[in-house]
C-alpha atoms as a PDB file:
ATOM      1  CA  GLY A   1      -0.067  -0.107  -0.010  1.00  0.00           C
ATOM      2  CA  GLY A   2       0.908   3.730   0.311  1.00  0.00           C
ATOM      3  CA  GLY A   3       2.681   2.961   3.605  1.00  0.00           C
ATOM      4  CA  THR A   4       5.743   1.835   1.654  1.00  0.00           C
ATOM      5  CA  TRP A   5       6.254   5.241   0.267  1.00  0.00           C
ATOM      6  CA  ALA A   6       9.276   7.180   1.529  1.00  0.00           C
ATOM      7  CA  TRP A   7       7.086  10.067   2.720  1.00  0.00           C
ATOM      8  CA  ALA A   8       4.755   7.777   4.889  1.00  0.00           C
ATOM      9  CA  SER A   9       6.561   8.479   8.031  1.00  0.00           C
ATOM     10  CA  THR A  10       6.940  12.197   7.393  1.00  0.00           C
ATOM     11  CA  LEU A  11       3.298  12.639   6.457  1.00  0.00           C
ATOM     12  CA  ALA A  12       1.923  10.550   9.304  1.00  0.00           C
ATOM     13  CA  PHE A  13      -1.287  12.525   9.411  1.00  0.00           C
ATOM     14  CA  ALA A  14      -2.078  11.744   5.682  1.00  0.00           C
ATOM     15  CA  ARG A  15      -4.615   9.119   5.023  1.00  0.00           C
ATOM     16  CA  ASP A  16      -3.349   5.955   3.287  1.00  0.00           C
ATOM     17  CA  ARG A  17      -6.044   5.847   0.425  1.00  0.00           C
ATOM     18  CA  LEU A  18      -4.139   4.052  -2.288  1.00  0.00           C
ATOM     19  CA  VAL A  19      -6.777   1.075  -2.407  1.00  0.00           C
ATOM     20  CA  GLU A  20      -9.596   3.553  -2.180  1.00  0.00           C
ATOM     21  CA  SER A  21      -8.083   5.550  -5.150  1.00  0.00           C
ATOM     22  CA  TYR A  22      -7.663   2.512  -7.252  1.00  0.00           C
ATOM     23  CA  PHE A  23     -11.391   1.270  -6.604  1.00  0.00           C
ATOM     24  CA  MET A  24     -12.476   4.749  -7.613  1.00  0.00           C
ATOM     25  CA  ALA A  25     -10.582   4.340 -10.814  1.00  0.00           C
ATOM     26  CA  VAL A  26     -12.169   0.845 -11.431  1.00  0.00           C
ATOM     27  CA  GLY A  27     -15.557   2.351 -11.156  1.00  0.00           C
ATOM     28  CA  LYS A  28     -14.778   4.778 -13.864  1.00  0.00           C
ATOM     29  CA  MET A  29     -13.082   2.619 -16.312  1.00  0.00           C
ATOM     30  CA  HIS A  30     -13.549  -1.267 -15.836  1.00  0.00           C
ATOM     31  CA  GLU A  31     -12.731  -2.647 -19.155  1.00  0.00           C
ATOM     32  CA  PRO A  32      -9.491  -4.539 -19.227  1.00  0.00           C
ATOM     33  CA  GLN A  33      -8.025  -2.368 -22.024  1.00  0.00           C
ATOM     34  CA  PHE A  34      -8.023   0.457 -19.573  1.00  0.00           C
ATOM     35  CA  SER A  35      -5.675  -0.979 -17.008  1.00  0.00           C
ATOM     36  CA  GLN A  36      -2.847   1.580 -17.510  1.00  0.00           C
ATOM     37  CA  TYR A  37      -5.348   4.300 -17.400  1.00  0.00           C
ATOM     38  CA  ARG A  38      -6.764   2.970 -14.093  1.00  0.00           C
ATOM     39  CA  MET A  39      -3.359   2.844 -12.439  1.00  0.00           C
ATOM     40  CA  GLN A  40      -2.558   6.283 -13.501  1.00  0.00           C
ATOM     41  CA  LEU A  41      -5.880   7.657 -12.242  1.00  0.00           C
ATOM     42  CA  ALA A  42      -5.412   5.929  -9.010  1.00  0.00           C
ATOM     43  CA  ARG A  43      -1.791   7.482  -8.673  1.00  0.00           C
ATOM     44  CA  VAL A  44      -3.033  10.984  -9.315  1.00  0.00           C
ATOM     45  CA  SER A  45      -6.051  10.596  -6.924  1.00  0.00           C
ATOM     46  CA  TYR A  46      -3.899   9.349  -4.291  1.00  0.00           C
ATOM     47  CA  LEU A  47      -1.444  12.309  -4.697  1.00  0.00           C
ATOM     48  CA  MET A  48      -4.470  14.740  -4.707  1.00  0.00           C
ATOM     49  CA  ALA A  49      -5.760  13.017  -1.508  1.00  0.00           C
ATOM     50  CA  THR A  50      -2.310  13.510   0.012  1.00  0.00           C
ATOM     51  CA  VAL A  51      -2.005  17.023  -0.824  1.00  0.00           C
ATOM     52  CA  GLU A  52      -5.533  17.696   0.425  1.00  0.00           C
ATOM     53  CA  ASP A  53      -4.491  16.278   3.850  1.00  0.00           C
ATOM     54  CA  ILE A  54      -1.474  18.415   3.823  1.00  0.00           C
ATOM     55  CA  PHE A  55      -3.565  21.561   3.351  1.00  0.00           C
ATOM     56  CA  SER A  56      -6.021  20.292   5.917  1.00  0.00           C
ATOM     57  CA  GLU A  57      -3.305  19.839   8.514  1.00  0.00           C
ATOM     58  CA  HIS A  58      -1.229  23.093   7.918  1.00  0.00           C
ATOM     59  CA  GLN A  59      -3.818  25.806   7.786  1.00  0.00           C
ATOM     60  CA  SER A  60      -1.907  28.794   8.544  1.00  0.00           C
ATOM     61  CA  VAL A  61      -1.343  31.110   5.463  1.00  0.00           C
ATOM     62  CA  GLU A  62       2.556  31.177   6.136  1.00  0.00           C
ATOM     63  CA  GLU A  63       2.741  27.525   6.081  1.00  0.00           C
ATOM     64  CA  LEU A  64       0.532  27.048   3.057  1.00  0.00           C
ATOM     65  CA  GLU A  65       2.415  29.708   1.112  1.00  0.00           C
ATOM     66  CA  ARG A  66       5.754  27.797   1.902  1.00  0.00           C
ATOM     67  CA  PHE A  67       4.099  24.588   0.695  1.00  0.00           C
ATOM     68  CA  VAL A  68       2.948  25.974  -2.575  1.00  0.00           C
ATOM     69  CA  GLN A  69       6.242  27.483  -3.308  1.00  0.00           C
END
């Protein structure tokens, strides 16, 4: 799962949603020929969820500005 990623210990507050992201992608494109699309969509979805968790955790304007830069 996502726990094997290098940033997992640094971003302990982030939800591990890799499987959830993949199942969301399967729901959108379940045909076998779209397997690469599903994996890419799951990766992007997982990254977006992690960024969302970072923004939720660090809500001061200064911290968010540093993160965006």
